[in-house]
Amino acid sequence: MSIANETPSAPDPYDLVFAPIDAEMIEWLALPPGARVLDAGCGPGTMLAQFAAAVGPAGHVAGL
């Protein structure tokens, strides 16, 4: 896994509110290995590492 340009900053309080459902969302999305993910409006990027782990090294994750 590599994250281009910069790593995510510390989560803000809003992101912490949703932290308990992050794993459920990743499971619900059922991202296959090698998938491409665009996290539009990702804020500080707290989900990017979880998306990257889900899609594996053959996948691609971008956050805007």
N, C-alpha and C. Protein backbone atom coordinates (compact mmCIF):
# COMPACT_ATOMS: atom_id res chain seq x y z
N MET A 1 0.84 -1.17 0.00
CA MET A 1 0.00 0.00 0.00
C MET A 1 0.88 1.22 0.00
N SER A 2 0.57 2.18 -0.84
CA SER A 2 1.27 3.45 -0.80
C SER A 2 0.23 4.56 -0.88
N ILE A 3 0.51 5.61 -0.18
CA ILE A 3 -0.38 6.77 -0.18
C ILE A 3 0.39 7.91 -0.82
N ALA A 4 -0.11 8.40 -1.95
CA ALA A 4 0.57 9.45 -2.69
C ALA A 4 0.43 10.80 -1.99
N ASN A 5 1.44 11.61 -2.14
CA ASN A 5 1.49 13.00 -1.71
C ASN A 5 1.59 13.18 -0.20
N GLU A 6 0.57 12.85 0.53
CA GLU A 6 0.65 13.04 1.98
C GLU A 6 -0.20 12.01 2.70
N THR A 7 0.14 11.76 3.94
CA THR A 7 -0.64 10.82 4.73
C THR A 7 -1.79 11.56 5.39
N PRO A 8 -2.86 10.85 5.74
CA PRO A 8 -4.01 11.50 6.37
C PRO A 8 -3.62 12.16 7.69
N SER A 9 -4.25 13.28 7.96
CA SER A 9 -4.02 13.97 9.23
C SER A 9 -4.86 13.31 10.33
N ALA A 10 -4.72 13.82 11.53
CA ALA A 10 -5.48 13.28 12.66
C ALA A 10 -6.98 13.45 12.40
N PRO A 11 -7.78 12.48 12.81
CA PRO A 11 -9.22 12.59 12.56
C PRO A 11 -9.85 13.73 13.36
N ASP A 12 -10.85 14.35 12.76
CA ASP A 12 -11.57 15.38 13.50
C ASP A 12 -12.71 14.72 14.27
N PRO A 13 -13.34 15.44 15.17
CA PRO A 13 -14.41 14.84 15.99
C PRO A 13 -15.54 14.24 15.17
N TYR A 14 -15.86 14.84 14.04
CA TYR A 14 -16.92 14.31 13.18
C TYR A 14 -16.58 12.89 12.71
N ASP A 15 -15.31 12.69 12.32
CA ASP A 15 -14.89 11.36 11.88
C ASP A 15 -14.95 10.35 13.01
N LEU A 16 -14.66 10.78 14.21
CA LEU A 16 -14.69 9.87 15.36
C LEU A 16 -16.11 9.39 15.66
N VAL A 17 -17.10 10.21 15.33
CA VAL A 17 -18.49 9.81 15.53
C VAL A 17 -18.82 8.59 14.67
N PHE A 18 -18.25 8.56 13.46
CA PHE A 18 -18.56 7.48 12.53
C PHE A 18 -17.59 6.31 12.61
N ALA A 19 -16.54 6.41 13.41
CA ALA A 19 -15.55 5.34 13.53
C ALA A 19 -16.17 3.98 13.85
N PRO A 20 -17.18 3.90 14.72
CA PRO A 20 -17.76 2.58 15.04
C PRO A 20 -18.40 1.88 13.84
N ILE A 21 -18.82 2.62 12.83
CA ILE A 21 -19.46 1.96 11.68
C ILE A 21 -18.52 1.81 10.49
N ASP A 22 -17.29 2.28 10.59
CA ASP A 22 -16.34 2.18 9.47
C ASP A 22 -16.15 0.74 9.02
N ALA A 23 -15.89 -0.17 9.93
CA ALA A 23 -15.67 -1.58 9.58
C ALA A 23 -16.92 -2.18 8.94
N GLU A 24 -18.09 -1.81 9.45
CA GLU A 24 -19.34 -2.31 8.88
C GLU A 24 -19.51 -1.81 7.44
N MET A 25 -19.13 -0.56 7.19
CA MET A 25 -19.26 -0.01 5.85
C MET A 25 -18.31 -0.73 4.89
N ILE A 26 -17.08 -0.98 5.31
CA ILE A 26 -16.13 -1.69 4.46
C ILE A 26 -16.68 -3.08 4.13
N GLU A 27 -17.23 -3.76 5.12
CA GLU A 27 -17.80 -5.09 4.89
C GLU A 27 -18.98 -5.02 3.92
N TRP A 28 -19.85 -4.03 4.12
CA TRP A 28 -21.04 -3.87 3.28
C TRP A 28 -20.66 -3.60 1.83
N LEU A 29 -19.60 -2.82 1.61
CA LEU A 29 -19.17 -2.49 0.26
C LEU A 29 -18.63 -3.72 -0.49
N ALA A 30 -18.10 -4.70 0.25
CA ALA A 30 -17.57 -5.94 -0.34
C ALA A 30 -16.65 -5.66 -1.51
N LEU A 31 -15.65 -4.81 -1.27
CA LEU A 31 -14.71 -4.43 -2.32
C LEU A 31 -13.84 -5.63 -2.70
N PRO A 32 -13.81 -5.99 -3.96
CA PRO A 32 -12.98 -7.13 -4.37
C PRO A 32 -11.52 -6.71 -4.47
N PRO A 33 -10.60 -7.66 -4.33
CA PRO A 33 -9.19 -7.34 -4.52
C PRO A 33 -8.97 -6.74 -5.91
N GLY A 34 -8.18 -5.69 -5.97
CA GLY A 34 -7.90 -5.04 -7.24
C GLY A 34 -8.89 -3.94 -7.61
N ALA A 35 -9.87 -3.68 -6.75
CA ALA A 35 -10.87 -2.65 -7.04
C ALA A 35 -10.22 -1.26 -7.02
N ARG A 36 -10.92 -0.32 -7.64
CA ARG A 36 -10.50 1.08 -7.63
C ARG A 36 -11.53 1.85 -6.81
N VAL A 37 -11.05 2.65 -5.85
CA VAL A 37 -11.94 3.37 -4.94
C VAL A 37 -11.64 4.86 -5.02
N LEU A 38 -12.69 5.67 -5.16
CA LEU A 38 -12.57 7.11 -5.06
C LEU A 38 -13.38 7.54 -3.85
N ASP A 39 -12.70 8.08 -2.85
CA ASP A 39 -13.37 8.59 -1.66
C ASP A 39 -13.50 10.10 -1.83
N ALA A 40 -14.60 10.53 -2.44
CA ALA A 40 -14.84 11.95 -2.70
C ALA A 40 -15.36 12.62 -1.44
N GLY A 41 -14.75 13.71 -1.08
CA GLY A 41 -15.14 14.41 0.14
C GLY A 41 -14.64 13.72 1.38
N CYS A 42 -13.43 13.15 1.31
CA CYS A 42 -12.92 12.31 2.39
C CYS A 42 -12.39 13.09 3.60
N GLY A 43 -12.37 14.41 3.52
CA GLY A 43 -11.85 15.18 4.66
C GLY A 43 -10.40 14.83 4.90
N PRO A 44 -10.06 14.49 6.15
CA PRO A 44 -8.67 14.18 6.45
C PRO A 44 -8.23 12.79 5.98
N GLY A 45 -9.12 12.02 5.38
CA GLY A 45 -8.75 10.73 4.81
C GLY A 45 -8.69 9.58 5.79
N THR A 46 -9.52 9.61 6.80
CA THR A 46 -9.46 8.56 7.83
C THR A 46 -9.83 7.18 7.30
N MET A 47 -10.56 7.09 6.20
CA MET A 47 -10.96 5.78 5.66
C MET A 47 -9.99 5.25 4.60
N LEU A 48 -9.07 6.06 4.11
CA LEU A 48 -8.23 5.65 2.99
C LEU A 48 -7.43 4.38 3.28
N ALA A 49 -6.84 4.28 4.44
CA ALA A 49 -6.05 3.08 4.77
C ALA A 49 -6.94 1.84 4.83
N GLN A 50 -8.17 2.00 5.32
CA GLN A 50 -9.09 0.86 5.37
C GLN A 50 -9.51 0.43 3.97
N PHE A 51 -9.75 1.40 3.08
CA PHE A 51 -10.07 1.06 1.70
C PHE A 51 -8.88 0.35 1.05
N ALA A 52 -7.68 0.87 1.27
CA ALA A 52 -6.49 0.27 0.68
C ALA A 52 -6.29 -1.16 1.15
N ALA A 53 -6.52 -1.41 2.42
CA ALA A 53 -6.39 -2.77 2.94
C ALA A 53 -7.43 -3.69 2.30
N ALA A 54 -8.62 -3.16 2.05
CA ALA A 54 -9.69 -3.98 1.46
C ALA A 54 -9.39 -4.35 0.01
N VAL A 55 -8.82 -3.43 -0.77
CA VAL A 55 -8.60 -3.69 -2.19
C VAL A 55 -7.24 -4.35 -2.46
N GLY A 56 -6.36 -4.32 -1.48
CA GLY A 56 -5.06 -4.99 -1.62
C GLY A 56 -4.09 -4.25 -2.51
N PRO A 57 -2.93 -4.85 -2.71
CA PRO A 57 -1.87 -4.17 -3.49
C PRO A 57 -2.19 -4.00 -4.97
N ALA A 58 -3.10 -4.78 -5.51
CA ALA A 58 -3.47 -4.63 -6.91
C ALA A 58 -4.53 -3.55 -7.12
N GLY A 59 -5.12 -3.06 -6.03
CA GLY A 59 -6.16 -2.03 -6.12
C GLY A 59 -5.58 -0.63 -6.10
N HIS A 60 -6.47 0.34 -6.18
CA HIS A 60 -6.06 1.75 -6.17
C HIS A 60 -7.10 2.53 -5.37
N VAL A 61 -6.61 3.41 -4.49
CA VAL A 61 -7.49 4.24 -3.67
C VAL A 61 -7.06 5.70 -3.84
N ALA A 62 -8.02 6.57 -4.09
CA ALA A 62 -7.76 8.01 -4.20
C ALA A 62 -8.75 8.75 -3.32
N GLY A 63 -8.28 9.77 -2.65
CA GLY A 63 -9.15 10.59 -1.83
C GLY A 63 -9.11 12.04 -2.27
N LEU A 64 -10.28 12.65 -2.36
CA LEU A 64 -10.40 14.07 -2.75
C LEU A 64 -11.07 14.84 -1.65
